[in-house]
Structure formats: C-alpha cells, structure tokens
Amino acid sequence: MFSVTVREHLMIAHSFHGEVFGPAQRLHGATYLVDATFRRAELDDDSLVVDIGLATAELGKVVGEFNYRNLDEVPEFAGINTSTEFLAKVIADRLADRVHSGALGEGARGLSGVSVTLHESHIAWASYERDL
C-alpha cells in the first residue's frame, strides 16, 4: 500500500458536556497538527498516490472552515462534544467528499482510503480512517 501525508494546523475553542471531561467542560482552546494520509494499492498513471499540492490545498480549505472558531457556535455541532476523535472524522469525511467531487484531481479517484490524525500534543493524538 502506498501513502502520502500532508499536514496543516488548526486552532479552535470549544467546551464539553459531561462529568467525564472535568475542567474541559469550561470553554478552552486547542491547537492541533492535522495529518491527512491518502492511500492506494497502486500508483496512478503519473506514478503518484495523489497530487501533493492539491491534497495540501484541499486539507487547508477543510481545516480553514474551523480555524480560529468557537466550535460551540457552529450550528451543525450543536449538542455534540467536538472531541479530537470527532474532529478527525469530520475532516476525513470532508476530504473524502472532495476526492469524490474531483477537487484532488482525476488521479485521486483511484485512492482507496484516507486517514486523519489530530495531534493534541507531542504525547497525545487521535485518528480516524475511512475507505473511499
């Protein structure tokens, strides 16, 4: 399996609901390194997994939808704990939509999967992986 990973960063504010979150129930900030890994079994006709420039640009657009925002104020997230795991899935699903729409180029239609990892720190991160 071949893979290419591109990176972006994301800074958000949010709060959580539920005793399990302790002090994180209060509004707080989070800064993430965001890695998006694209996979395929065979390289495309240009010997690529995906065009790195397009992948980087599209990841930037997806992340840009949330950067410097209070996620508690995003209507589609109302009542949802926007955990690191949850955000990894949201970003992966939006990247998948962009692959299917052709935004990452025709060669990207041969991708078999994408995974997104959000690094909360140098010692903690969460990922979500999906098929395309």
Protein backbone atom coordinates (compact mmCIF):
# COMPACT_ATOMS: atom_id res chain seq x y z
CA MET A 1 0.00 0.00 0.00
CA PHE A 2 1.32 3.44 -0.95
CA SER A 3 0.57 6.56 1.06
CA VAL A 4 1.15 10.30 1.02
CA THR A 5 0.63 12.51 4.07
CA VAL A 6 0.11 16.26 4.08
CA ARG A 7 -0.02 18.49 7.16
CA GLU A 8 -1.88 21.58 8.35
CA HIS A 9 -2.64 23.12 11.74
CA LEU A 10 -5.88 24.06 13.42
CA MET A 11 -6.70 26.32 16.36
CA ILE A 12 -10.18 26.16 17.89
CA ALA A 13 -12.12 26.88 21.05
CA HIS A 14 -14.79 24.58 22.46
CA SER A 15 -16.26 23.12 25.62
CA PHE A 16 -17.53 19.66 26.52
CA HIS A 17 -20.65 18.33 28.20
CA GLY A 18 -20.38 15.57 30.79
CA GLU A 19 -18.62 14.93 34.07
CA VAL A 20 -16.02 12.74 32.36
CA PHE A 21 -14.49 15.91 30.87
CA GLY A 22 -13.82 17.58 34.23
CA PRO A 23 -12.43 21.11 33.76
CA ALA A 24 -12.67 20.78 29.95
CA GLN A 25 -16.40 21.39 30.40
CA ARG A 26 -15.42 25.06 30.51
CA LEU A 27 -14.57 26.90 27.31
CA HIS A 28 -10.94 26.22 26.37
CA GLY A 29 -8.67 26.34 23.35
CA ALA A 30 -6.97 23.57 21.42
CA THR A 31 -4.23 23.67 18.82
CA TYR A 32 -3.79 20.64 16.58
CA LEU A 33 -1.34 19.46 13.98
CA VAL A 34 -3.51 17.82 11.34
CA ASP A 35 -2.11 15.00 9.20
CA ALA A 36 -4.14 13.66 6.29
CA THR A 37 -2.86 10.41 4.80
CA PHE A 38 -4.10 9.24 1.41
CA ARG A 39 -3.71 5.55 0.44
CA ARG A 40 -3.86 3.42 -2.66
CA ALA A 41 -2.64 -0.04 -3.66
CA GLU A 42 -1.15 1.03 -7.00
CA LEU A 43 0.26 4.34 -8.17
CA ASP A 44 -1.68 6.31 -10.79
CA ASP A 45 -0.53 6.82 -14.39
CA ASP A 46 1.82 9.59 -13.22
CA SER A 47 3.35 7.33 -10.53
CA LEU A 48 1.61 9.30 -7.79
CA VAL A 49 -0.60 8.46 -4.83
CA VAL A 50 -2.19 11.91 -5.04
CA ASP A 51 -1.10 15.35 -6.19
CA ILE A 52 0.54 16.70 -3.03
CA GLY A 53 -0.22 20.30 -3.96
CA LEU A 54 -3.93 19.61 -4.43
CA ALA A 55 -4.07 17.47 -1.28
CA THR A 56 -2.39 20.22 0.74
CA ALA A 57 -4.70 22.89 -0.67
CA GLU A 58 -7.86 20.89 -0.02
CA LEU A 59 -6.79 19.99 3.52
CA GLY A 60 -6.17 23.70 4.09
CA LYS A 61 -9.67 24.54 2.86
CA VAL A 62 -11.30 21.92 5.09
CA VAL A 63 -9.31 22.97 8.16
CA GLY A 64 -9.94 26.63 7.31
CA GLU A 65 -13.67 26.10 7.84
CA PHE A 66 -12.98 25.66 11.59
CA ASN A 67 -9.74 27.52 12.22
CA TYR A 68 -9.98 30.29 14.86
CA ARG A 69 -13.61 29.41 15.59
CA ASN A 70 -15.51 28.51 18.71
CA LEU A 71 -16.97 25.16 17.71
CA ASP A 72 -19.72 25.58 20.32
CA GLU A 73 -21.13 28.23 17.96
CA VAL A 74 -21.12 26.05 14.81
CA PRO A 75 -24.78 25.06 14.24
CA GLU A 76 -24.00 21.62 12.79
CA PHE A 77 -22.14 20.71 16.00
CA ALA A 78 -24.91 21.79 18.39
CA GLY A 79 -25.11 19.37 21.32
CA ILE A 80 -22.06 17.36 20.15
CA ASN A 81 -18.81 17.02 22.07
CA THR A 82 -16.29 18.12 19.45
CA SER A 83 -13.61 15.76 20.73
CA THR A 84 -10.36 15.19 18.90
CA GLU A 85 -11.74 11.88 17.63
CA PHE A 86 -14.92 13.53 16.39
CA LEU A 87 -13.00 16.28 14.58
CA ALA A 88 -10.71 13.72 12.91
CA LYS A 89 -13.80 12.04 11.42
CA VAL A 90 -15.33 15.33 10.29
CA ILE A 91 -12.13 16.30 8.48
CA ALA A 92 -11.70 12.83 6.92
CA ASP A 93 -15.30 12.80 5.69
CA ARG A 94 -14.95 16.26 4.15
CA LEU A 95 -11.72 15.24 2.43
CA ALA A 96 -13.49 12.14 1.09
CA ASP A 97 -16.24 14.37 -0.32
CA ARG A 98 -13.55 16.46 -2.05
CA VAL A 99 -11.91 13.35 -3.51
CA HIS A 100 -15.28 12.18 -4.89
CA SER A 101 -16.04 15.63 -6.33
CA GLY A 102 -12.74 15.65 -8.26
CA ALA A 103 -11.16 18.50 -6.25
CA LEU A 104 -7.97 16.46 -5.76
CA GLY A 105 -7.72 15.65 -9.49
CA GLU A 106 -8.84 12.72 -11.60
CA GLY A 107 -5.94 10.58 -10.40
CA ALA A 108 -7.28 10.80 -6.85
CA ARG A 109 -10.36 8.84 -7.87
CA GLY A 110 -8.17 5.73 -7.54
CA LEU A 111 -7.49 6.33 -3.85
CA SER A 112 -8.62 3.54 -1.56
CA GLY A 113 -8.64 5.38 1.76
CA VAL A 114 -7.88 8.44 3.79
CA SER A 115 -6.97 8.82 7.44
CA VAL A 116 -6.77 11.97 9.51
CA THR A 117 -4.73 12.33 12.68
CA LEU A 118 -5.09 15.30 15.01
CA HIS A 119 -2.08 15.72 17.27
CA GLU A 120 -3.11 17.46 20.51
CA SER A 121 0.47 17.43 21.77
CA HIS A 122 3.71 15.53 21.36
CA ILE A 123 2.29 12.76 23.57
CA ALA A 124 -1.40 12.51 22.56
CA TRP A 125 -3.28 12.24 19.27
CA ALA A 126 -6.37 10.66 17.74
CA SER A 127 -7.11 9.35 14.26
CA TYR A 128 -9.98 8.35 12.02
CA GLU A 129 -9.52 6.17 8.94
CA ARG A 130 -12.07 5.51 6.22
CA ASP A 131 -12.37 3.83 2.87
CA LEU A 132 -13.01 5.84 -0.26
